[in-house]
């Protein structure tokens, strides 16, 4: 039987735009009270106003996921406003492009602090409440690149792989507790990060070239709501991408040849 989401609160980080904002709106439409969290309070409030004006329930909480105190405050604010917490969506994160040999340790530390530790701060803050209720759902926004590394994205894909591996371990460890854990693996999505990356590189990098599939944040949000209703371990929005990555894992030498060929072609066009 599908889980009824009405009156089950969810807290979402990185909710001021993109997948986070779309998921907040979709969850509210499904009847879930929503706590939206991000650093940009003005952007959050605009989305909260939209949700509340259309019959939903939402609050805005200013939150920097790099700070574990902010994640605890988000959980406390959600419970104080809505009376409980059922689900969290650890969505805050960012990426950057750099060749491995050009990276600085501070860049790697920063992306892991936000993408990985930011996720764990929220999970550590919320899990005791979910386990006490013996019901809940932990969702982690990983990436299709959690399964494969490509040029210029080593730091980003590594942070997403960490989310994926910890999410899978947590999923197995939570079996029988009533609390689910799912990792979300979007392909290229039309968000601020994708737009900015395309502009900076003239659309010629491996991940943002003209040949890739680009989905809307709403497509990802709809898949997340379906997963909340019928929990599963991994959320994918492209079967062809999932199959391609499975094949790339099974035949890494072939995958390397294909990626290297594409990288050389786009590098010759001035994409890197």
C-alpha atoms as a PDB file:
ATOM      1  CA  UNK A   1       0.000   0.000   0.000  1.00  0.00           C
ATOM      2  CA  UNK A   2       1.300   3.477  -0.857  1.00  0.00           C
ATOM      3  CA  UNK A   3       2.155   5.700   2.098  1.00  0.00           C
ATOM      4  CA  UNK A   4      -0.244   8.583   2.625  1.00  0.00           C
ATOM      5  CA  UNK A   5       1.826  11.752   2.737  1.00  0.00           C
ATOM      6  CA  UNK A   6      -0.841  14.121   4.043  1.00  0.00           C
ATOM      7  CA  UNK A   7       0.271  15.861   7.258  1.00  0.00           C
ATOM      8  CA  UNK A   8       3.713  14.193   7.212  1.00  0.00           C
ATOM      9  CA  UNK A   9       6.286  17.018   7.504  1.00  0.00           C
ATOM     10  CA  UNK A  10       9.462  17.151   5.432  1.00  0.00           C
ATOM     11  CA  UNK A  11      12.550  19.364   5.791  1.00  0.00           C
ATOM     12  CA  UNK A  12      14.455  20.204   2.593  1.00  0.00           C
ATOM     13  CA  UNK A  13      17.875  21.841   2.328  1.00  0.00           C
ATOM     14  CA  UNK A  14      18.997  23.715  -0.759  1.00  0.00           C
ATOM     15  CA  UNK A  15      15.332  24.634  -1.233  1.00  0.00           C
ATOM     16  CA  UNK A  16      15.731  28.157  -2.608  1.00  0.00           C
ATOM     17  CA  UNK A  17      15.943  27.033  -6.241  1.00  0.00           C
ATOM     18  CA  UNK A  18      16.221  24.087  -8.611  1.00  0.00           C
ATOM     19  CA  UNK A  19      15.452  20.569  -7.431  1.00  0.00           C
ATOM     20  CA  UNK A  20      14.987  21.651  -3.811  1.00  0.00           C
ATOM     21  CA  UNK A  21      12.388  24.300  -4.621  1.00  0.00           C
ATOM     22  CA  UNK A  22      10.548  22.040  -7.064  1.00  0.00           C
ATOM     23  CA  UNK A  23      10.495  19.223  -4.511  1.00  0.00           C
ATOM     24  CA  UNK A  24       9.150  21.532  -1.814  1.00  0.00           C
ATOM     25  CA  UNK A  25       6.288  22.588  -4.086  1.00  0.00           C
ATOM     26  CA  UNK A  26       5.573  18.988  -5.135  1.00  0.00           C
ATOM     27  CA  UNK A  27       5.600  17.721  -1.537  1.00  0.00           C
ATOM     28  CA  UNK A  28       3.280  20.526  -0.452  1.00  0.00           C
ATOM     29  CA  UNK A  29       0.916  19.638  -3.302  1.00  0.00           C
ATOM     30  CA  UNK A  30       0.929  16.065  -1.967  1.00  0.00           C
ATOM     31  CA  UNK A  31      -0.224  17.344   1.417  1.00  0.00           C
ATOM     32  CA  UNK A  32       3.094  17.457   3.266  1.00  0.00           C
ATOM     33  CA  UNK A  33       3.944  20.406   5.513  1.00  0.00           C
ATOM     34  CA  UNK A  34       7.333  21.646   4.288  1.00  0.00           C
ATOM     35  CA  UNK A  35      10.265  23.361   5.990  1.00  0.00           C
ATOM     36  CA  UNK A  36      12.404  24.980   3.306  1.00  0.00           C
ATOM     37  CA  UNK A  37      16.019  25.652   4.212  1.00  0.00           C
ATOM     38  CA  UNK A  38      18.826  27.510   2.450  1.00  0.00           C
ATOM     39  CA  UNK A  39      21.139  30.470   2.947  1.00  0.00           C
ATOM     40  CA  UNK A  40      19.035  32.838   0.803  1.00  0.00           C
ATOM     41  CA  UNK A  41      16.090  33.644   3.058  1.00  0.00           C
ATOM     42  CA  UNK A  42      14.450  36.024   0.579  1.00  0.00           C
ATOM     43  CA  UNK A  43      14.300  33.322  -2.091  1.00  0.00           C
ATOM     44  CA  UNK A  44      12.915  30.838   0.427  1.00  0.00           C
ATOM     45  CA  UNK A  45      10.210  33.213   1.569  1.00  0.00           C
ATOM     46  CA  UNK A  46       8.980  33.699  -1.985  1.00  0.00           C
ATOM     47  CA  UNK A  47       8.484  29.941  -2.384  1.00  0.00           C
ATOM     48  CA  UNK A  48       6.895  29.665   1.064  1.00  0.00           C
ATOM     49  CA  UNK A  49       4.441  32.409   0.137  1.00  0.00           C
ATOM     50  CA  UNK A  50       3.550  30.536  -3.048  1.00  0.00           C
ATOM     51  CA  UNK A  51       2.948  27.273  -1.178  1.00  0.00           C
ATOM     52  CA  UNK A  52       0.880  28.887   1.563  1.00  0.00           C
ATOM     53  CA  UNK A  53      -1.183  30.884  -0.933  1.00  0.00           C
ATOM     54  CA  UNK A  54      -2.126  27.699  -2.780  1.00  0.00           C
ATOM     55  CA  UNK A  55      -3.368  25.837   0.292  1.00  0.00           C
ATOM     56  CA  UNK A  56      -0.141  24.235   1.508  1.00  0.00           C
ATOM     57  CA  UNK A  57       1.805  24.702   4.724  1.00  0.00           C
ATOM     58  CA  UNK A  58       5.416  25.855   4.642  1.00  0.00           C
ATOM     59  CA  UNK A  59       8.031  27.726   6.635  1.00  0.00           C
ATOM     60  CA  UNK A  60      11.416  29.162   5.721  1.00  0.00           C
ATOM     61  CA  UNK A  61      14.517  28.459   7.812  1.00  0.00           C
ATOM     62  CA  UNK A  62      17.811  30.138   7.033  1.00  0.00           C
ATOM     63  CA  UNK A  63      20.423  27.388   7.067  1.00  0.00           C
ATOM     64  CA  UNK A  64      24.037  26.858   6.083  1.00  0.00           C
ATOM     65  CA  UNK A  65      24.575  23.095   5.948  1.00  0.00           C
ATOM     66  CA  UNK A  66      28.290  23.567   6.603  1.00  0.00           C
ATOM     67  CA  UNK A  67      27.251  24.413  10.172  1.00  0.00           C
ATOM     68  CA  UNK A  68      25.875  21.407  12.120  1.00  0.00           C
ATOM     69  CA  UNK A  69      24.053  23.777  14.494  1.00  0.00           C
ATOM     70  CA  UNK A  70      21.993  25.067  11.549  1.00  0.00           C
ATOM     71  CA  UNK A  71      20.877  21.529  10.671  1.00  0.00           C
ATOM     72  CA  UNK A  72      19.818  20.909  14.266  1.00  0.00           C
ATOM     73  CA  UNK A  73      17.953  24.214  14.264  1.00  0.00           C
ATOM     74  CA  UNK A  74      16.157  23.226  11.049  1.00  0.00           C
ATOM     75  CA  UNK A  75      14.975  19.954  12.591  1.00  0.00           C
ATOM     76  CA  UNK A  76      13.850  21.733  15.770  1.00  0.00           C
ATOM     77  CA  UNK A  77      12.009  24.424  13.798  1.00  0.00           C
ATOM     78  CA  UNK A  78      10.184  21.817  11.719  1.00  0.00           C
ATOM     79  CA  UNK A  79       9.023  19.923  14.796  1.00  0.00           C
ATOM     80  CA  UNK A  80       8.059  23.125  16.621  1.00  0.00           C
ATOM     81  CA  UNK A  81       5.952  24.343  13.685  1.00  0.00           C
ATOM     82  CA  UNK A  82       4.379  21.104  12.491  1.00  0.00           C
ATOM     83  CA  UNK A  83       4.496  18.880  15.578  1.00  0.00           C
ATOM     84  CA  UNK A  84       6.703  16.164  14.093  1.00  0.00           C
ATOM     85  CA  UNK A  85       9.200  15.301  11.388  1.00  0.00           C
ATOM     86  CA  UNK A  86       8.625  12.498   8.898  1.00  0.00           C
ATOM     87  CA  UNK A  87      11.163  13.057   6.118  1.00  0.00           C
ATOM     88  CA  UNK A  88      14.292  14.977   5.198  1.00  0.00           C
ATOM     89  CA  UNK A  89      15.748  15.706   1.788  1.00  0.00           C
ATOM     90  CA  UNK A  90      19.459  16.526   1.961  1.00  0.00           C
ATOM     91  CA  UNK A  91      19.691  18.454  -1.274  1.00  0.00           C
ATOM     92  CA  UNK A  92      22.089  21.344  -0.642  1.00  0.00           C
ATOM     93  CA  UNK A  93      25.275  21.159  -2.657  1.00  0.00           C
ATOM     94  CA  UNK A  94      27.359  22.615  -5.454  1.00  0.00           C
ATOM     95  CA  UNK A  95      29.969  21.672  -8.025  1.00  0.00           C
ATOM     96  CA  UNK A  96      32.945  23.147  -9.794  1.00  0.00           C
ATOM     97  CA  UNK A  97      35.086  22.257 -12.771  1.00  0.00           C
ATOM     98  CA  UNK A  98      38.824  21.701 -12.478  1.00  0.00           C
ATOM     99  CA  UNK A  99      41.495  19.407 -13.761  1.00  0.00           C
ATOM    100  CA  UNK A 100      42.761  17.115 -11.012  1.00  0.00           C
ATOM    101  CA  UNK A 101      46.311  18.479 -11.202  1.00  0.00           C
ATOM    102  CA  UNK A 102      45.038  22.060 -10.871  1.00  0.00           C
ATOM    103  CA  UNK A 103      42.910  21.485  -7.773  1.00  0.00           C
ATOM    104  CA  UNK A 104      43.829  22.954  -4.438  1.00  0.00           C
ATOM    105  CA  UNK A 105      43.230  21.098  -1.148  1.00  0.00           C
ATOM    106  CA  UNK A 106      40.986  23.930   0.051  1.00  0.00           C
ATOM    107  CA  UNK A 107      38.671  23.392  -2.928  1.00  0.00           C
ATOM    108  CA  UNK A 108      38.328  19.696  -2.149  1.00  0.00           C
ATOM    109  CA  UNK A 109      37.787  20.353   1.550  1.00  0.00           C
ATOM    110  CA  UNK A 110      35.084  22.919   0.792  1.00  0.00           C
ATOM    111  CA  UNK A 111      33.036  20.740  -1.543  1.00  0.00           C
ATOM    112  CA  UNK A 112      33.200  17.761   0.805  1.00  0.00           C
ATOM    113  CA  UNK A 113      32.210  19.988   3.726  1.00  0.00           C
ATOM    114  CA  UNK A 114      29.060  21.108   1.918  1.00  0.00           C
ATOM    115  CA  UNK A 115      28.035  18.161  -0.245  1.00  0.00           C
ATOM    116  CA  UNK A 116      28.999  15.308   2.079  1.00  0.00           C
ATOM    117  CA  UNK A 117      29.237  16.614   5.626  1.00  0.00           C
ATOM    118  CA  UNK A 118      26.294  18.953   5.011  1.00  0.00           C
ATOM    119  CA  UNK A 119      24.240  15.867   4.192  1.00  0.00           C
ATOM    120  CA  UNK A 120      25.453  14.010   7.254  1.00  0.00           C
ATOM    121  CA  UNK A 121      24.788  16.958   9.579  1.00  0.00           C
ATOM    122  CA  UNK A 122      21.120  16.863   8.580  1.00  0.00           C
ATOM    123  CA  UNK A 123      20.892  13.083   8.866  1.00  0.00           C
ATOM    124  CA  UNK A 124      22.537  13.046  12.291  1.00  0.00           C
ATOM    125  CA  UNK A 125      20.160  15.774  13.498  1.00  0.00           C
ATOM    126  CA  UNK A 126      16.988  14.148  12.166  1.00  0.00           C
ATOM    127  CA  UNK A 127      17.598  10.421  12.611  1.00  0.00           C
ATOM    128  CA  UNK A 128      16.928  10.217  16.379  1.00  0.00           C
ATOM    129  CA  UNK A 129      13.454  11.694  15.861  1.00  0.00           C
ATOM    130  CA  UNK A 130      12.617   9.368  12.967  1.00  0.00           C
ATOM    131  CA  UNK A 131      13.869   6.302  14.821  1.00  0.00           C
ATOM    132  CA  UNK A 132      11.912   7.232  17.939  1.00  0.00           C
ATOM    133  CA  UNK A 133       8.746   7.444  15.824  1.00  0.00           C
ATOM    134  CA  UNK A 134       9.687   4.207  14.002  1.00  0.00           C
ATOM    135  CA  UNK A 135       8.597   5.896  10.772  1.00  0.00           C
ATOM    136  CA  UNK A 136      10.281   8.218   8.346  1.00  0.00           C
ATOM    137  CA  UNK A 137      12.280   8.699   5.186  1.00  0.00           C
ATOM    138  CA  UNK A 138      15.792  10.023   4.578  1.00  0.00           C
ATOM    139  CA  UNK A 139      16.429  11.207   1.020  1.00  0.00           C
ATOM    140  CA  UNK A 140      19.861  12.212  -0.259  1.00  0.00           C
ATOM    141  CA  UNK A 141      20.386  14.095  -3.519  1.00  0.00           C
ATOM    142  CA  UNK A 142      23.368  12.330  -5.038  1.00  0.00           C
ATOM    143  CA  UNK A 143      23.914  12.283  -8.821  1.00  0.00           C
ATOM    144  CA  UNK A 144      24.273   9.979 -11.781  1.00  0.00           C
ATOM    145  CA  UNK A 145      27.979  10.870 -11.465  1.00  0.00           C
ATOM    146  CA  UNK A 146      28.107   9.012  -8.153  1.00  0.00           C
ATOM    147  CA  UNK A 147      28.605   5.935 -10.355  1.00  0.00           C
ATOM    148  CA  UNK A 148      31.183   7.330 -12.799  1.00  0.00           C
ATOM    149  CA  UNK A 149      34.012   9.870 -12.907  1.00  0.00           C
ATOM    150  CA  UNK A 150      34.503  12.163 -15.900  1.00  0.00           C
ATOM    151  CA  UNK A 151      37.114  14.834 -16.718  1.00  0.00           C
ATOM    152  CA  UNK A 152      36.883  18.100 -14.774  1.00  0.00           C
ATOM    153  CA  UNK A 153      34.365  16.706 -12.246  1.00  0.00           C
ATOM    154  CA  UNK A 154      36.514  14.519  -9.978  1.00  0.00           C
ATOM    155  CA  UNK A 155      35.768  16.522  -6.819  1.00  0.00           C
ATOM    156  CA  UNK A 156      32.049  16.774  -7.533  1.00  0.00           C
ATOM    157  CA  UNK A 157      31.578  13.102  -8.465  1.00  0.00           C
ATOM    158  CA  UNK A 158      33.638  12.016  -5.446  1.00  0.00           C
ATOM    159  CA  UNK A 159      31.384  13.980  -3.102  1.00  0.00           C
ATOM    160  CA  UNK A 160      28.327  12.427  -4.739  1.00  0.00           C
ATOM    161  CA  UNK A 161      29.835   8.937  -4.506  1.00  0.00           C
ATOM    162  CA  UNK A 162      30.342   9.479  -0.777  1.00  0.00           C
ATOM    163  CA  UNK A 163      26.674  10.400  -0.429  1.00  0.00           C
ATOM    164  CA  UNK A 164      25.704   7.311  -2.430  1.00  0.00           C
ATOM    165  CA  UNK A 165      27.854   4.899  -0.415  1.00  0.00           C
ATOM    166  CA  UNK A 166      26.823   6.278   2.967  1.00  0.00           C
ATOM    167  CA  UNK A 167      23.187   6.290   1.866  1.00  0.00           C
ATOM    168  CA  UNK A 168      23.348   2.665   0.804  1.00  0.00           C
ATOM    169  CA  UNK A 169      25.032   1.587   4.037  1.00  0.00           C
ATOM    170  CA  UNK A 170      22.472   3.543   6.029  1.00  0.00           C
ATOM    171  CA  UNK A 171      19.629   1.973   4.057  1.00  0.00           C
ATOM    172  CA  UNK A 172      20.826  -1.501   5.007  1.00  0.00           C
ATOM    173  CA  UNK A 173      21.482  -0.542   8.615  1.00  0.00           C
ATOM    174  CA  UNK A 174      17.964   0.894   8.990  1.00  0.00           C
ATOM    175  CA  UNK A 175      16.196  -2.263   7.801  1.00  0.00           C
ATOM    176  CA  UNK A 176      13.365  -3.120  10.156  1.00  0.00           C
ATOM    177  CA  UNK A 177      13.307   0.248  11.912  1.00  0.00           C
ATOM    178  CA  UNK A 178      10.453   1.757   9.903  1.00  0.00           C
ATOM    179  CA  UNK A 179      12.803   4.420   8.536  1.00  0.00           C
ATOM    180  CA  UNK A 180      13.672   4.350   4.826  1.00  0.00           C
ATOM    181  CA  UNK A 181      16.749   5.787   3.132  1.00  0.00           C
ATOM    182  CA  UNK A 182      16.884   6.608  -0.581  1.00  0.00           C
ATOM    183  CA  UNK A 183      19.542   8.159  -2.783  1.00  0.00           C
ATOM    184  CA  UNK A 184      18.435  10.348  -5.704  1.00  0.00           C
ATOM    185  CA  UNK A 185      20.484  10.252  -8.918  1.00  0.00           C
ATOM    186  CA  UNK A 186      19.483  13.047 -11.313  1.00  0.00           C
ATOM    187  CA  UNK A 187      20.976  13.422 -14.752  1.00  0.00           C
ATOM    188  CA  UNK A 188      21.677  16.936 -16.070  1.00  0.00           C
ATOM    189  CA  UNK A 189      18.962  19.178 -14.703  1.00  0.00           C
ATOM    190  CA  UNK A 190      18.073  22.724 -15.736  1.00  0.00           C
ATOM    191  CA  UNK A 191      19.188  24.405 -12.513  1.00  0.00           C
ATOM    192  CA  UNK A 192      21.360  27.398 -11.671  1.00  0.00           C
ATOM    193  CA  UNK A 193      24.473  25.180 -11.534  1.00  0.00           C
ATOM    194  CA  UNK A 194      23.926  23.770 -15.035  1.00  0.00           C
ATOM    195  CA  UNK A 195      23.162  27.184 -16.501  1.00  0.00           C
ATOM    196  CA  UNK A 196      26.223  28.753 -14.899  1.00  0.00           C
ATOM    197  CA  UNK A 197      28.499  25.928 -16.022  1.00  0.00           C
ATOM    198  CA  UNK A 198      27.271  26.120 -19.623  1.00  0.00           C
ATOM    199  CA  UNK A 199      27.845  29.882 -19.683  1.00  0.00           C
ATOM    200  CA  UNK A 200      31.360  29.649 -18.246  1.00  0.00           C
ATOM    201  CA  UNK A 201      32.470  26.904 -20.650  1.00  0.00           C
ATOM    202  CA  UNK A 202      30.427  27.842 -23.747  1.00  0.00           C
ATOM    203  CA  UNK A 203      28.518  24.578 -23.474  1.00  0.00           C
ATOM    204  CA  UNK A 204      31.516  22.444 -24.395  1.00  0.00           C
ATOM    205  CA  UNK A 205      32.372  20.430 -21.306  1.00  0.00           C
ATOM    206  CA  UNK A 206      31.767  16.708 -21.055  1.00  0.00           C
ATOM    207  CA  UNK A 207      28.745  17.047 -18.791  1.00  0.00           C
ATOM    208  CA  UNK A 208      27.085  20.127 -20.268  1.00  0.00           C
ATOM    209  CA  UNK A 209      27.567  19.642 -23.973  1.00  0.00           C
ATOM    210  CA  UNK A 210      24.769  19.697 -26.487  1.00  0.00           C
ATOM    211  CA  UNK A 211      24.423  15.940 -26.661  1.00  0.00           C
ATOM    212  CA  UNK A 212      23.256  15.279 -23.104  1.00  0.00           C
ATOM    213  CA  UNK A 213      19.719  14.901 -21.835  1.00  0.00           C
ATOM    214  CA  UNK A 214      18.603  17.823 -19.665  1.00  0.00           C
ATOM    215  CA  UNK A 215      15.607  17.334 -17.399  1.00  0.00           C
ATOM    216  CA  UNK A 216      13.524  19.829 -15.461  1.00  0.00           C
ATOM    217  CA  UNK A 217      13.645  20.069 -11.663  1.00  0.00           C
ATOM    218  CA  UNK A 218       9.960  19.167 -11.677  1.00  0.00           C
ATOM    219  CA  UNK A 219      10.766  15.786 -13.259  1.00  0.00           C
ATOM    220  CA  UNK A 220      13.104  14.986 -10.378  1.00  0.00           C
ATOM    221  CA  UNK A 221      10.619  16.318  -7.810  1.00  0.00           C
ATOM    222  CA  UNK A 222       7.842  14.081  -9.144  1.00  0.00           C
ATOM    223  CA  UNK A 223      10.116  11.038  -8.859  1.00  0.00           C
ATOM    224  CA  UNK A 224      10.946  11.971  -5.257  1.00  0.00           C
ATOM    225  CA  UNK A 225       7.267  12.215  -4.310  1.00  0.00           C
ATOM    226  CA  UNK A 226       6.659   8.807  -5.887  1.00  0.00           C
ATOM    227  CA  UNK A 227       9.523   7.425  -3.794  1.00  0.00           C
ATOM    228  CA  UNK A 228       8.052   8.943  -0.636  1.00  0.00           C
ATOM    229  CA  UNK A 229       4.791   7.160  -1.393  1.00  0.00           C
ATOM    230  CA  UNK A 230       6.463   3.879  -2.377  1.00  0.00           C
ATOM    231  CA  UNK A 231       9.975   3.822  -0.892  1.00  0.00           C
ATOM    232  CA  UNK A 232      12.847   2.337  -2.866  1.00  0.00           C
ATOM    233  CA  UNK A 233      16.589   2.445  -2.497  1.00  0.00           C
ATOM    234  CA  UNK A 234      17.555   4.548  -5.517  1.00  0.00           C
ATOM    235  CA  UNK A 235      15.622   7.165  -7.456  1.00  0.00           C
ATOM    236  CA  UNK A 236      16.520   7.504 -11.145  1.00  0.00           C
ATOM    237  CA  UNK A 237      14.786   9.674 -13.727  1.00  0.00           C
ATOM    238  CA  UNK A 238      16.505   8.238 -16.807  1.00  0.00           C
ATOM    239  CA  UNK A 239      16.522   4.491 -17.458  1.00  0.00           C
ATOM    240  CA  UNK A 240      18.908   4.892 -20.379  1.00  0.00           C
ATOM    241  CA  UNK A 241      21.444   6.724 -18.217  1.00  0.00           C
ATOM    242  CA  UNK A 242      21.141   4.136 -15.482  1.00  0.00           C
ATOM    243  CA  UNK A 243      21.746   1.334 -17.988  1.00  0.00           C
ATOM    244  CA  UNK A 244      24.682   3.168 -19.585  1.00  0.00           C
ATOM    245  CA  UNK A 245      26.329   3.658 -16.206  1.00  0.00           C
ATOM    246  CA  UNK A 246      25.796   0.013 -15.300  1.00  0.00           C
ATOM    247  CA  UNK A 247      27.525  -0.987 -18.523  1.00  0.00           C
ATOM    248  CA  UNK A 248      30.318   1.507 -17.853  1.00  0.00           C
ATOM    249  CA  UNK A 249      30.881  -0.098 -14.459  1.00  0.00           C
ATOM    250  CA  UNK A 250      30.920  -3.575 -15.971  1.00  0.00           C
ATOM    251  CA  UNK A 251      33.316  -2.585 -18.787  1.00  0.00           C
ATOM    252  CA  UNK A 252      35.466   0.293 -17.463  1.00  0.00           C
ATOM    253  CA  UNK A 253      38.055   0.112 -20.252  1.00  0.00           C
ATOM    254  CA  UNK A 254      35.361   0.580 -22.873  1.00  0.00           C
ATOM    255  CA  UNK A 255      33.825   3.422 -20.873  1.00  0.00           C
ATOM    256  CA  UNK A 256      37.215   5.133 -20.612  1.00  0.00           C
ATOM    257  CA  UNK A 257      37.689   4.943 -24.382  1.00  0.00           C
ATOM    258  CA  UNK A 258      34.278   6.443 -25.054  1.00  0.00           C
ATOM    259  CA  UNK A 259      34.693   9.235 -22.502  1.00  0.00           C
ATOM    260  CA  UNK A 260      38.262   9.994 -23.633  1.00  0.00           C
ATOM    261  CA  UNK A 261      37.127  10.259 -27.243  1.00  0.00           C
ATOM    262  CA  UNK A 262      34.322  12.666 -26.321  1.00  0.00           C
ATOM    263  CA  UNK A 263      36.623  14.658 -24.057  1.00  0.00           C
ATOM    264  CA  UNK A 264      39.267  15.033 -26.779  1.00  0.00           C
ATOM    265  CA  UNK A 265      36.628  16.164 -29.266  1.00  0.00           C
ATOM    266  CA  UNK A 266      35.208  18.815 -26.969  1.00  0.00           C
ATOM    267  CA  UNK A 267      38.620  19.918 -25.724  1.00  0.00           C
ATOM    268  CA  UNK A 268      39.604  20.622 -29.328  1.00  0.00           C
ATOM    269  CA  UNK A 269      36.604  22.958 -29.557  1.00  0.00           C
ATOM    270  CA  UNK A 270      37.930  25.006 -26.641  1.00  0.00           C
ATOM    271  CA  UNK A 271      35.589  23.556 -24.025  1.00  0.00           C
ATOM    272  CA  UNK A 272      38.259  23.147 -21.355  1.00  0.00           C
END
